[in-house]
Amino acid sequence: MNNLLIVAAGGHGKVVVEAAVAMKKWDKVAFLDDNFQSIVNHHGYPVLGSLASAQEFQGEYKDIFVAVGNNQDRLELMEKYTREGFNIPIIIHPTATVSNTVIINHGTVIMANATVNASVSIGKGSIINTSSSIDHDCVLGDGVHICPGANLAGDVSVGRMSWIGIGAIIIQGIRICEGVTVGAGAVVISDIASDMTVVGNPARPK
């Protein structure tokens, strides 16, 4: 029996569970959430216990996926569950278009209608959200979030735990360092240093 626990019963968890179920890989799917006593089920799936209780269910659920929006929290929880012996899968919605030359690390989700083209590398625990696109030869670090409708041209690099906002556009060859936030709808035409927030067209420091 191949069963899946999804960590965090929030809005992101709703989208993750639909992608997971659409894959038809798991016999049973359930959630963990620290509000489990007040959330009996989430989006039609049971909420079994708190985030700290995962090992109580390990006999039945070998796979666990962290559906937490905060990039740092997501990576930290993944490390915790890896130490506890869980398998952390990759989730790819069947409507996503993903080249067979793409490298995808564990704990990453690729949502519905996203496109990931040739020779892309995606770090662990990343989110490639709905209808976003990543063109050839891009490199994404761990814990990156490419928000819905964002578009990365070819040969872009995005550093660890960076956030590319909804509808943002990154032109070819840009280097985005670690911990960067790119605002919604921004157009990035030059490299961005670590821990910066940029907004606008063209994108400038906020």
N, C-alpha and C. Protein backbone atom coordinates (compact mmCIF):
# COMPACT_ATOMS: atom_id res chain seq x y z
N MET A 1 0.85 -1.20 0.00
CA MET A 1 0.00 0.00 0.00
C MET A 1 0.88 1.25 0.00
N ASN A 2 0.59 2.19 -0.87
CA ASN A 2 1.38 3.40 -1.02
C ASN A 2 0.50 4.59 -0.66
N ASN A 3 0.73 5.17 0.53
CA ASN A 3 -0.12 6.24 1.03
C ASN A 3 0.69 7.52 1.26
N LEU A 4 -0.01 8.65 1.24
CA LEU A 4 0.65 9.96 1.30
C LEU A 4 0.05 10.82 2.39
N LEU A 5 0.92 11.40 3.23
CA LEU A 5 0.54 12.45 4.16
C LEU A 5 0.92 13.80 3.57
N ILE A 6 0.01 14.77 3.65
CA ILE A 6 0.29 16.13 3.22
C ILE A 6 0.32 17.01 4.46
N VAL A 7 1.39 17.74 4.62
CA VAL A 7 1.59 18.57 5.81
C VAL A 7 1.07 19.98 5.55
N ALA A 8 0.10 20.38 6.33
CA ALA A 8 -0.52 21.71 6.36
C ALA A 8 -1.80 21.73 5.52
N ALA A 9 -2.91 21.91 6.24
CA ALA A 9 -4.24 21.92 5.61
C ALA A 9 -4.66 23.36 5.37
N GLY A 10 -3.99 23.98 4.41
CA GLY A 10 -4.32 25.35 4.00
C GLY A 10 -4.67 25.41 2.53
N GLY A 11 -4.66 26.61 1.99
CA GLY A 11 -5.00 26.77 0.58
C GLY A 11 -4.02 26.07 -0.34
N HIS A 12 -2.73 26.18 -0.03
CA HIS A 12 -1.73 25.48 -0.85
C HIS A 12 -1.94 23.98 -0.78
N GLY A 13 -2.30 23.49 0.41
CA GLY A 13 -2.56 22.06 0.56
C GLY A 13 -3.70 21.58 -0.33
N LYS A 14 -4.73 22.41 -0.51
CA LYS A 14 -5.83 22.04 -1.40
C LYS A 14 -5.35 21.78 -2.82
N VAL A 15 -4.47 22.64 -3.29
CA VAL A 15 -3.98 22.50 -4.66
C VAL A 15 -3.03 21.31 -4.78
N VAL A 16 -2.20 21.12 -3.74
CA VAL A 16 -1.28 19.99 -3.74
C VAL A 16 -2.04 18.66 -3.74
N VAL A 17 -3.08 18.55 -2.90
CA VAL A 17 -3.80 17.27 -2.83
C VAL A 17 -4.49 16.96 -4.16
N GLU A 18 -5.01 17.96 -4.83
CA GLU A 18 -5.64 17.70 -6.13
C GLU A 18 -4.61 17.21 -7.15
N ALA A 19 -3.41 17.81 -7.13
CA ALA A 19 -2.36 17.35 -8.04
C ALA A 19 -1.94 15.93 -7.70
N ALA A 20 -1.80 15.64 -6.40
CA ALA A 20 -1.38 14.30 -5.98
C ALA A 20 -2.41 13.25 -6.37
N VAL A 21 -3.68 13.53 -6.13
CA VAL A 21 -4.74 12.57 -6.47
C VAL A 21 -4.81 12.37 -7.99
N ALA A 22 -4.61 13.43 -8.74
CA ALA A 22 -4.65 13.31 -10.20
C ALA A 22 -3.54 12.41 -10.74
N MET A 23 -2.44 12.27 -10.00
CA MET A 23 -1.36 11.39 -10.42
C MET A 23 -1.72 9.91 -10.30
N LYS A 24 -2.70 9.59 -9.46
CA LYS A 24 -3.16 8.20 -9.25
C LYS A 24 -2.01 7.30 -8.79
N LYS A 25 -1.17 7.85 -7.93
CA LYS A 25 0.00 7.11 -7.43
C LYS A 25 -0.24 6.56 -6.03
N TRP A 26 -1.13 7.22 -5.25
CA TRP A 26 -1.32 6.87 -3.85
C TRP A 26 -2.69 6.27 -3.61
N ASP A 27 -2.75 5.24 -2.77
CA ASP A 27 -4.02 4.60 -2.43
C ASP A 27 -4.84 5.45 -1.48
N LYS A 28 -4.16 6.09 -0.52
CA LYS A 28 -4.83 6.94 0.46
C LYS A 28 -4.03 8.23 0.64
N VAL A 29 -4.76 9.32 0.85
CA VAL A 29 -4.13 10.61 1.10
C VAL A 29 -4.80 11.23 2.33
N ALA A 30 -3.99 11.79 3.23
CA ALA A 30 -4.51 12.46 4.42
C ALA A 30 -3.61 13.64 4.76
N PHE A 31 -4.10 14.50 5.65
CA PHE A 31 -3.38 15.69 6.05
C PHE A 31 -2.89 15.59 7.48
N LEU A 32 -1.85 16.38 7.78
CA LEU A 32 -1.46 16.74 9.14
C LEU A 32 -1.56 18.25 9.26
N ASP A 33 -2.05 18.73 10.41
CA ASP A 33 -2.14 20.16 10.63
C ASP A 33 -2.23 20.41 12.13
N ASP A 34 -1.61 21.48 12.59
CA ASP A 34 -1.62 21.75 14.02
C ASP A 34 -3.00 22.15 14.54
N ASN A 35 -3.92 22.45 13.65
CA ASN A 35 -5.31 22.72 14.03
C ASN A 35 -6.20 21.50 13.79
N PHE A 36 -5.61 20.32 13.89
CA PHE A 36 -6.34 19.09 13.55
C PHE A 36 -7.60 18.88 14.40
N GLN A 37 -7.60 19.40 15.60
CA GLN A 37 -8.77 19.18 16.47
C GLN A 37 -10.00 19.94 15.98
N SER A 38 -9.79 21.03 15.25
CA SER A 38 -10.92 21.80 14.72
C SER A 38 -11.15 21.55 13.23
N ILE A 39 -10.15 20.95 12.56
CA ILE A 39 -10.31 20.62 11.13
C ILE A 39 -10.39 19.11 11.01
N VAL A 40 -11.56 18.57 10.98
CA VAL A 40 -11.74 17.11 10.93
C VAL A 40 -11.33 16.58 9.55
N ASN A 41 -11.70 17.31 8.52
CA ASN A 41 -11.24 16.95 7.19
C ASN A 41 -10.99 18.22 6.40
N HIS A 42 -10.18 18.11 5.38
CA HIS A 42 -9.79 19.27 4.58
C HIS A 42 -9.93 18.91 3.11
N HIS A 43 -10.81 19.63 2.44
CA HIS A 43 -11.02 19.40 1.01
C HIS A 43 -11.44 17.95 0.75
N GLY A 44 -12.13 17.37 1.74
CA GLY A 44 -12.63 16.01 1.61
C GLY A 44 -11.68 14.93 2.09
N TYR A 45 -10.53 15.30 2.65
CA TYR A 45 -9.53 14.33 3.10
C TYR A 45 -9.33 14.47 4.61
N PRO A 46 -9.12 13.36 5.33
CA PRO A 46 -9.02 13.43 6.79
C PRO A 46 -7.77 14.17 7.24
N VAL A 47 -7.90 14.86 8.38
CA VAL A 47 -6.77 15.49 9.05
C VAL A 47 -6.49 14.67 10.30
N LEU A 48 -5.35 13.97 10.29
CA LEU A 48 -5.11 12.91 11.28
C LEU A 48 -4.50 13.40 12.58
N GLY A 49 -3.69 14.44 12.52
CA GLY A 49 -2.99 14.88 13.72
C GLY A 49 -2.14 16.10 13.45
N SER A 50 -1.29 16.44 14.41
CA SER A 50 -0.43 17.62 14.31
C SER A 50 0.79 17.33 13.45
N LEU A 51 1.53 18.38 13.13
CA LEU A 51 2.75 18.23 12.35
C LEU A 51 3.78 17.37 13.09
N ALA A 52 3.79 17.46 14.41
CA ALA A 52 4.76 16.71 15.21
C ALA A 52 4.40 15.24 15.36
N SER A 53 3.18 14.87 14.96
CA SER A 53 2.72 13.49 15.18
C SER A 53 2.97 12.56 14.00
N ALA A 54 3.72 13.02 13.01
CA ALA A 54 3.86 12.27 11.76
C ALA A 54 4.30 10.82 11.98
N GLN A 55 5.24 10.60 12.89
CA GLN A 55 5.77 9.25 13.07
C GLN A 55 4.73 8.27 13.59
N GLU A 56 3.67 8.77 14.22
CA GLU A 56 2.60 7.89 14.68
C GLU A 56 1.90 7.19 13.52
N PHE A 57 1.98 7.77 12.33
CA PHE A 57 1.27 7.26 11.17
C PHE A 57 2.22 6.63 10.13
N GLN A 58 3.49 6.52 10.50
CA GLN A 58 4.50 6.10 9.54
C GLN A 58 4.31 4.65 9.08
N GLY A 59 3.69 3.84 9.91
CA GLY A 59 3.45 2.47 9.48
C GLY A 59 2.51 2.37 8.30
N GLU A 60 1.59 3.32 8.21
CA GLU A 60 0.60 3.30 7.14
C GLU A 60 0.94 4.28 6.02
N TYR A 61 1.63 5.36 6.38
CA TYR A 61 1.95 6.41 5.40
C TYR A 61 3.47 6.53 5.30
N LYS A 62 4.03 6.05 4.20
CA LYS A 62 5.48 6.10 4.00
C LYS A 62 5.93 7.40 3.35
N ASP A 63 5.04 8.01 2.56
CA ASP A 63 5.37 9.25 1.84
C ASP A 63 4.77 10.45 2.57
N ILE A 64 5.52 11.54 2.58
CA ILE A 64 5.02 12.77 3.19
C ILE A 64 5.43 13.94 2.31
N PHE A 65 4.51 14.89 2.15
CA PHE A 65 4.79 16.06 1.31
C PHE A 65 4.44 17.31 2.10
N VAL A 66 5.37 18.27 2.12
CA VAL A 66 5.19 19.48 2.90
C VAL A 66 4.55 20.56 2.03
N ALA A 67 3.28 20.88 2.31
CA ALA A 67 2.53 21.88 1.54
C ALA A 67 2.44 23.17 2.33
N VAL A 68 3.59 23.72 2.65
CA VAL A 68 3.70 24.96 3.42
C VAL A 68 4.22 26.04 2.48
N GLY A 69 3.56 27.18 2.46
CA GLY A 69 3.93 28.23 1.51
C GLY A 69 5.23 28.93 1.83
N ASN A 70 5.55 29.11 3.12
CA ASN A 70 6.79 29.79 3.50
C ASN A 70 7.99 28.94 3.11
N ASN A 71 8.89 29.51 2.32
CA ASN A 71 10.00 28.74 1.76
C ASN A 71 10.91 28.15 2.83
N GLN A 72 11.28 28.95 3.82
CA GLN A 72 12.19 28.46 4.86
C GLN A 72 11.52 27.38 5.71
N ASP A 73 10.28 27.62 6.12
CA ASP A 73 9.56 26.62 6.92
C ASP A 73 9.42 25.31 6.16
N ARG A 74 9.16 25.40 4.87
CA ARG A 74 8.98 24.19 4.07
C ARG A 74 10.27 23.35 4.06
N LEU A 75 11.40 24.00 3.84
CA LEU A 75 12.67 23.27 3.80
C LEU A 75 13.01 22.67 5.17
N GLU A 76 12.76 23.43 6.23
CA GLU A 76 13.06 22.91 7.57
C GLU A 76 12.21 21.70 7.91
N LEU A 77 10.93 21.74 7.56
CA LEU A 77 10.07 20.59 7.82
C LEU A 77 10.48 19.39 6.97
N MET A 78 10.88 19.63 5.74
CA MET A 78 11.35 18.53 4.90
C MET A 78 12.56 17.84 5.52
N GLU A 79 13.48 18.63 6.05
CA GLU A 79 14.66 18.06 6.69
C GLU A 79 14.26 17.21 7.91
N LYS A 80 13.31 17.71 8.68
CA LYS A 80 12.84 16.99 9.86
C LYS A 80 12.25 15.64 9.47
N TYR A 81 11.36 15.62 8.48
CA TYR A 81 10.70 14.38 8.10
C TYR A 81 11.66 13.41 7.40
N THR A 82 12.67 13.95 6.73
CA THR A 82 13.69 13.09 6.14
C THR A 82 14.46 12.37 7.25
N ARG A 83 14.82 13.09 8.30
CA ARG A 83 15.53 12.47 9.43
C ARG A 83 14.67 11.40 10.09
N GLU A 84 13.37 11.58 10.07
CA GLU A 84 12.46 10.61 10.68
C GLU A 84 12.21 9.39 9.80
N GLY A 85 12.76 9.39 8.59
CA GLY A 85 12.70 8.21 7.74
C GLY A 85 11.59 8.21 6.70
N PHE A 86 10.90 9.34 6.52
CA PHE A 86 9.87 9.41 5.49
C PHE A 86 10.50 9.57 4.11
N ASN A 87 9.77 9.12 3.10
CA ASN A 87 10.10 9.42 1.72
C ASN A 87 9.36 10.69 1.32
N ILE A 88 10.08 11.62 0.72
CA ILE A 88 9.47 12.88 0.28
C ILE A 88 9.41 12.86 -1.25
N PRO A 89 8.22 12.72 -1.82
CA PRO A 89 8.10 12.54 -3.26
C PRO A 89 8.14 13.86 -4.04
N ILE A 90 8.07 13.73 -5.34
CA ILE A 90 7.85 14.84 -6.27
C ILE A 90 6.41 14.72 -6.75
N ILE A 91 5.70 15.84 -6.80
CA ILE A 91 4.32 15.84 -7.29
C ILE A 91 4.25 16.68 -8.56
N ILE A 92 3.73 16.09 -9.62
CA ILE A 92 3.59 16.78 -10.91
C ILE A 92 2.18 16.57 -11.41
N HIS A 93 1.42 17.65 -11.53
CA HIS A 93 0.06 17.53 -12.05
C HIS A 93 0.10 17.00 -13.48
N PRO A 94 -0.80 16.08 -13.83
CA PRO A 94 -0.77 15.48 -15.18
C PRO A 94 -0.90 16.48 -16.32
N THR A 95 -1.47 17.66 -16.07
CA THR A 95 -1.59 18.65 -17.16
C THR A 95 -0.35 19.50 -17.33
N ALA A 96 0.64 19.38 -16.44
CA ALA A 96 1.89 20.11 -16.61
C ALA A 96 2.69 19.50 -17.76
N THR A 97 3.45 20.35 -18.44
CA THR A 97 4.33 19.91 -19.52
C THR A 97 5.77 20.03 -19.02
N VAL A 98 6.43 18.89 -18.87
CA VAL A 98 7.76 18.86 -18.29
C VAL A 98 8.68 18.04 -19.20
N SER A 99 9.74 18.67 -19.69
CA SER A 99 10.70 17.98 -20.55
C SER A 99 11.32 16.79 -19.82
N ASN A 100 11.62 15.74 -20.57
CA ASN A 100 12.25 14.57 -19.95
C ASN A 100 13.73 14.80 -19.64
N THR A 101 14.24 16.00 -19.95
CA THR A 101 15.62 16.33 -19.59
C THR A 101 15.69 17.20 -18.34
N VAL A 102 14.56 17.46 -17.71
CA VAL A 102 14.53 18.28 -16.50
C VAL A 102 14.97 17.46 -15.29
N ILE A 103 15.77 18.08 -14.42
CA ILE A 103 16.16 17.47 -13.15
C ILE A 103 15.30 18.11 -12.06
N ILE A 104 14.55 17.28 -11.32
CA ILE A 104 13.64 17.76 -10.27
C ILE A 104 14.01 17.07 -8.97
N ASN A 105 14.27 17.85 -7.95
CA ASN A 105 14.63 17.27 -6.66
C ASN A 105 13.39 17.06 -5.79
N HIS A 106 13.53 16.22 -4.76
CA HIS A 106 12.41 15.78 -3.94
C HIS A 106 11.71 16.95 -3.25
N GLY A 107 10.43 16.76 -2.99
CA GLY A 107 9.66 17.76 -2.29
C GLY A 107 9.18 18.91 -3.15
N THR A 108 9.42 18.83 -4.44
CA THR A 108 8.97 19.87 -5.37
C THR A 108 7.61 19.50 -5.94
N VAL A 109 6.77 20.52 -6.15
CA VAL A 109 5.48 20.32 -6.80
C VAL A 109 5.43 21.18 -8.06
N ILE A 110 4.92 20.59 -9.14
CA ILE A 110 4.68 21.32 -10.39
C ILE A 110 3.19 21.27 -10.65
N MET A 111 2.55 22.43 -10.62
CA MET A 111 1.10 22.51 -10.64
C MET A 111 0.52 22.45 -12.06
N ALA A 112 -0.80 22.47 -12.10
CA ALA A 112 -1.54 22.32 -13.36
C ALA A 112 -1.12 23.38 -14.38
N ASN A 113 -0.93 22.91 -15.61
CA ASN A 113 -0.68 23.76 -16.78
C ASN A 113 0.64 24.52 -16.74
N ALA A 114 1.52 24.17 -15.81
CA ALA A 114 2.87 24.74 -15.82
C ALA A 114 3.67 24.09 -16.95
N THR A 115 4.68 24.82 -17.43
CA THR A 115 5.57 24.30 -18.46
C THR A 115 7.01 24.45 -18.00
N VAL A 116 7.77 23.34 -18.08
CA VAL A 116 9.19 23.35 -17.73
C VAL A 116 9.93 22.74 -18.91
N ASN A 117 10.75 23.54 -19.55
CA ASN A 117 11.38 23.12 -20.80
C ASN A 117 12.76 22.51 -20.59
N ALA A 118 13.44 22.24 -21.68
CA ALA A 118 14.63 21.38 -21.71
C ALA A 118 15.75 21.88 -20.80
N SER A 119 16.40 20.91 -20.15
CA SER A 119 17.65 21.10 -19.41
C SER A 119 17.52 22.05 -18.23
N VAL A 120 16.34 22.11 -17.63
CA VAL A 120 16.12 22.89 -16.42
C VAL A 120 16.49 22.03 -15.20
N SER A 121 17.01 22.68 -14.17
CA SER A 121 17.30 22.02 -12.90
C SER A 121 16.51 22.73 -11.80
N ILE A 122 15.76 21.95 -11.00
CA ILE A 122 14.93 22.51 -9.93
C ILE A 122 15.35 21.89 -8.61
N GLY A 123 15.66 22.73 -7.64
CA GLY A 123 16.10 22.25 -6.33
C GLY A 123 14.97 21.64 -5.53
N LYS A 124 15.32 21.12 -4.36
CA LYS A 124 14.33 20.44 -3.52
C LYS A 124 13.35 21.45 -2.92
N GLY A 125 12.14 20.97 -2.66
CA GLY A 125 11.15 21.77 -1.96
C GLY A 125 10.71 23.02 -2.68
N SER A 126 10.71 23.00 -3.99
CA SER A 126 10.31 24.17 -4.76
C SER A 126 8.85 24.05 -5.20
N ILE A 127 8.26 25.20 -5.52
CA ILE A 127 6.89 25.26 -6.01
C ILE A 127 6.90 25.90 -7.39
N ILE A 128 6.46 25.14 -8.39
CA ILE A 128 6.28 25.67 -9.74
C ILE A 128 4.77 25.78 -9.91
N ASN A 129 4.24 26.96 -9.75
CA ASN A 129 2.81 27.09 -9.55
C ASN A 129 2.03 27.16 -10.87
N THR A 130 0.73 27.24 -10.74
CA THR A 130 -0.21 27.09 -11.84
C THR A 130 0.12 28.00 -13.02
N SER A 131 0.22 27.40 -14.21
CA SER A 131 0.38 28.13 -15.48
C SER A 131 1.63 29.00 -15.53
N SER A 132 2.63 28.71 -14.71
CA SER A 132 3.92 29.38 -14.84
C SER A 132 4.74 28.66 -15.91
N SER A 133 5.79 29.33 -16.38
CA SER A 133 6.65 28.69 -17.38
C SER A 133 8.11 28.96 -17.08
N ILE A 134 8.91 27.92 -17.30
CA ILE A 134 10.36 27.99 -17.08
C ILE A 134 11.01 27.48 -18.35
N ASP A 135 11.75 28.34 -19.02
CA ASP A 135 12.31 27.94 -20.30
C ASP A 135 13.67 27.25 -20.13
N HIS A 136 14.28 26.92 -21.25
CA HIS A 136 15.46 26.05 -21.29
C HIS A 136 16.61 26.55 -20.41
N ASP A 137 17.31 25.60 -19.82
CA ASP A 137 18.58 25.82 -19.12
C ASP A 137 18.49 26.71 -17.88
N CYS A 138 17.31 26.87 -17.32
CA CYS A 138 17.20 27.60 -16.06
C CYS A 138 17.66 26.72 -14.89
N VAL A 139 18.15 27.36 -13.86
CA VAL A 139 18.59 26.67 -12.64
C VAL A 139 17.90 27.31 -11.45
N LEU A 140 17.12 26.53 -10.73
CA LEU A 140 16.40 27.01 -9.55
C LEU A 140 16.97 26.33 -8.32
N GLY A 141 17.26 27.11 -7.28
CA GLY A 141 17.78 26.56 -6.04
C GLY A 141 16.70 25.91 -5.20
N ASP A 142 17.08 25.49 -3.99
CA ASP A 142 16.14 24.85 -3.08
C ASP A 142 15.12 25.87 -2.56
N GLY A 143 13.88 25.42 -2.37
CA GLY A 143 12.88 26.24 -1.73
C GLY A 143 12.45 27.46 -2.51
N VAL A 144 12.55 27.41 -3.81
CA VAL A 144 12.11 28.52 -4.67
C VAL A 144 10.61 28.40 -4.92
N HIS A 145 9.93 29.54 -5.03
CA HIS A 145 8.51 29.56 -5.40
C HIS A 145 8.34 30.41 -6.65
N ILE A 146 7.92 29.76 -7.73
CA ILE A 146 7.55 30.46 -8.96
C ILE A 146 6.03 30.55 -8.96
N CYS A 147 5.50 31.73 -8.73
CA CYS A 147 4.07 31.91 -8.50
C CYS A 147 3.26 31.75 -9.80
N PRO A 148 1.93 31.64 -9.67
CA PRO A 148 1.09 31.43 -10.86
C PRO A 148 1.32 32.49 -11.94
N GLY A 149 1.44 32.01 -13.17
CA GLY A 149 1.54 32.89 -14.31
C GLY A 149 2.87 33.59 -14.50
N ALA A 150 3.86 33.31 -13.65
CA ALA A 150 5.19 33.90 -13.84
C ALA A 150 5.90 33.20 -14.99
N ASN A 151 6.74 33.96 -15.69
CA ASN A 151 7.44 33.42 -16.86
C ASN A 151 8.93 33.70 -16.76
N LEU A 152 9.73 32.62 -16.83
CA LEU A 152 11.18 32.74 -16.85
C LEU A 152 11.67 32.39 -18.24
N ALA A 153 12.41 33.31 -18.87
CA ALA A 153 13.03 33.01 -20.16
C ALA A 153 14.22 32.07 -19.95
N GLY A 154 14.90 31.73 -21.03
CA GLY A 154 15.98 30.75 -20.95
C GLY A 154 17.18 31.24 -20.15
N ASP A 155 17.89 30.27 -19.56
CA ASP A 155 19.17 30.51 -18.89
C ASP A 155 19.06 31.47 -17.72
N VAL A 156 17.94 31.46 -17.02
CA VAL A 156 17.77 32.25 -15.80
C VAL A 156 18.17 31.40 -14.60
N SER A 157 18.80 32.00 -13.62
CA SER A 157 19.06 31.29 -12.37
C SER A 157 18.34 32.01 -11.23
N VAL A 158 17.74 31.22 -10.34
CA VAL A 158 16.99 31.76 -9.20
C VAL A 158 17.56 31.11 -7.95
N GLY A 159 18.06 31.93 -7.04
CA GLY A 159 18.73 31.43 -5.85
C GLY A 159 17.79 30.86 -4.81
N ARG A 160 18.37 30.18 -3.88
CA ARG A 160 17.66 29.48 -2.81
C ARG A 160 16.65 30.38 -2.11
N MET A 161 15.45 29.87 -1.90
CA MET A 161 14.37 30.52 -1.15
C MET A 161 13.94 31.87 -1.73
N SER A 162 14.10 32.03 -3.02
CA SER A 162 13.59 33.24 -3.67
C SER A 162 12.14 33.03 -4.10
N TRP A 163 11.43 34.12 -4.24
CA TRP A 163 9.99 34.13 -4.52
C TRP A 163 9.77 34.99 -5.75
N ILE A 164 9.24 34.38 -6.82
CA ILE A 164 8.95 35.10 -8.06
C ILE A 164 7.44 35.30 -8.11
N GLY A 165 6.99 36.54 -7.96
CA GLY A 165 5.58 36.84 -7.76
C GLY A 165 4.70 36.54 -8.96
N ILE A 166 3.41 36.52 -8.71
CA ILE A 166 2.42 36.17 -9.72
C ILE A 166 2.55 37.09 -10.94
N GLY A 167 2.62 36.49 -12.11
CA GLY A 167 2.66 37.25 -13.35
C GLY A 167 3.98 37.94 -13.64
N ALA A 168 5.01 37.70 -12.85
CA ALA A 168 6.31 38.34 -13.10
C ALA A 168 6.95 37.78 -14.36
N ILE A 169 7.83 38.58 -14.96
CA ILE A 169 8.54 38.18 -16.17
C ILE A 169 10.03 38.39 -15.93
N ILE A 170 10.82 37.35 -16.20
CA ILE A 170 12.27 37.41 -16.03
C ILE A 170 12.90 37.19 -17.41
N ILE A 171 13.64 38.17 -17.92
CA ILE A 171 14.19 38.02 -19.26
C ILE A 171 15.38 37.07 -19.25
N GLN A 172 15.82 36.69 -20.44
CA GLN A 172 16.85 35.66 -20.60
C GLN A 172 18.17 36.05 -19.93
N GLY A 173 18.77 35.05 -19.29
CA GLY A 173 20.12 35.18 -18.76
C GLY A 173 20.25 35.89 -17.43
N ILE A 174 19.15 36.23 -16.79
CA ILE A 174 19.18 36.97 -15.53
C ILE A 174 19.62 36.06 -14.38
N ARG A 175 20.37 36.65 -13.43
CA ARG A 175 20.79 35.96 -12.22
C ARG A 175 20.08 36.59 -11.01
N ILE A 176 19.24 35.79 -10.37
CA ILE A 176 18.53 36.22 -9.17
C ILE A 176 19.15 35.46 -8.01
N CYS A 177 19.68 36.17 -7.02
CA CYS A 177 20.40 35.53 -5.93
C CYS A 177 19.44 35.01 -4.86
N GLU A 178 19.97 34.61 -3.71
CA GLU A 178 19.18 33.97 -2.65
C GLU A 178 18.26 34.96 -1.95
N GLY A 179 17.11 34.46 -1.51
CA GLY A 179 16.24 35.23 -0.64
C GLY A 179 15.61 36.45 -1.27
N VAL A 180 15.48 36.45 -2.58
CA VAL A 180 14.93 37.59 -3.31
C VAL A 180 13.41 37.47 -3.40
N THR A 181 12.72 38.60 -3.34
CA THR A 181 11.29 38.66 -3.62
C THR A 181 11.07 39.54 -4.84
N VAL A 182 10.46 38.96 -5.86
CA VAL A 182 10.10 39.71 -7.07
C VAL A 182 8.59 39.94 -7.01
N GLY A 183 8.18 41.19 -7.02
CA GLY A 183 6.78 41.53 -6.85
C GLY A 183 5.91 41.08 -8.01
N ALA A 184 4.61 41.02 -7.74
CA ALA A 184 3.64 40.61 -8.76
C ALA A 184 3.73 41.52 -9.98
N GLY A 185 3.79 40.90 -11.15
CA GLY A 185 3.80 41.64 -12.40
C GLY A 185 5.09 42.35 -12.73
N ALA A 186 6.11 42.18 -11.92
CA ALA A 186 7.39 42.86 -12.18
C ALA A 186 8.05 42.30 -13.44
N VAL A 187 8.83 43.14 -14.10
CA VAL A 187 9.61 42.73 -15.27
C VAL A 187 11.08 42.91 -14.94
N VAL A 188 11.79 41.80 -14.81
CA VAL A 188 13.17 41.83 -14.35
C VAL A 188 14.10 41.80 -15.56
N ILE A 189 14.89 42.88 -15.71
CA ILE A 189 15.78 43.00 -16.87
C ILE A 189 17.25 43.11 -16.46
N SER A 190 17.52 43.01 -15.15
CA SER A 190 18.91 43.03 -14.68
C SER A 190 19.03 42.12 -13.47
N ASP A 191 20.25 41.71 -13.17
CA ASP A 191 20.50 40.79 -12.06
C ASP A 191 20.06 41.41 -10.72
N ILE A 192 19.72 40.52 -9.77
CA ILE A 192 19.24 40.98 -8.46
C ILE A 192 20.10 40.35 -7.37
N ALA A 193 20.62 41.18 -6.48
CA ALA A 193 21.46 40.70 -5.38
C ALA A 193 20.63 40.02 -4.30
N SER A 194 21.29 39.30 -3.42
CA SER A 194 20.62 38.53 -2.37
C SER A 194 19.74 39.41 -1.48
N ASP A 195 18.61 38.83 -1.05
CA ASP A 195 17.73 39.40 -0.03
C ASP A 195 17.08 40.72 -0.43
N MET A 196 17.02 41.00 -1.71
CA MET A 196 16.37 42.22 -2.17
C MET A 196 14.90 41.95 -2.51
N THR A 197 14.08 43.00 -2.44
CA THR A 197 12.71 42.97 -2.95
C THR A 197 12.65 43.97 -4.10
N VAL A 198 12.16 43.51 -5.25
CA VAL A 198 12.06 44.39 -6.42
C VAL A 198 10.64 44.39 -6.94
N VAL A 199 10.20 45.52 -7.46
CA VAL A 199 8.83 45.65 -7.98
C VAL A 199 8.87 46.53 -9.23
N GLY A 200 7.81 46.43 -10.04
CA GLY A 200 7.62 47.37 -11.14
C GLY A 200 8.17 46.90 -12.47
N ASN A 201 8.02 47.77 -13.47
CA ASN A 201 8.47 47.51 -14.84
C ASN A 201 9.19 48.75 -15.36
N PRO A 202 10.54 48.66 -15.47
CA PRO A 202 11.39 47.53 -15.07
C PRO A 202 11.48 47.41 -13.55
N ALA A 203 11.82 46.21 -13.08
CA ALA A 203 11.89 45.97 -11.64
C ALA A 203 13.00 46.78 -10.99
N ARG A 204 12.63 47.43 -9.88
CA ARG A 204 13.60 48.23 -9.10
C ARG A 204 13.43 47.89 -7.62
N PRO A 205 14.49 48.13 -6.81
CA PRO A 205 14.38 47.85 -5.37
C PRO A 205 13.22 48.62 -4.74
N LYS A 206 12.51 47.94 -3.85
CA LYS A 206 11.39 48.56 -3.16
C LYS A 206 11.87 49.39 -1.98
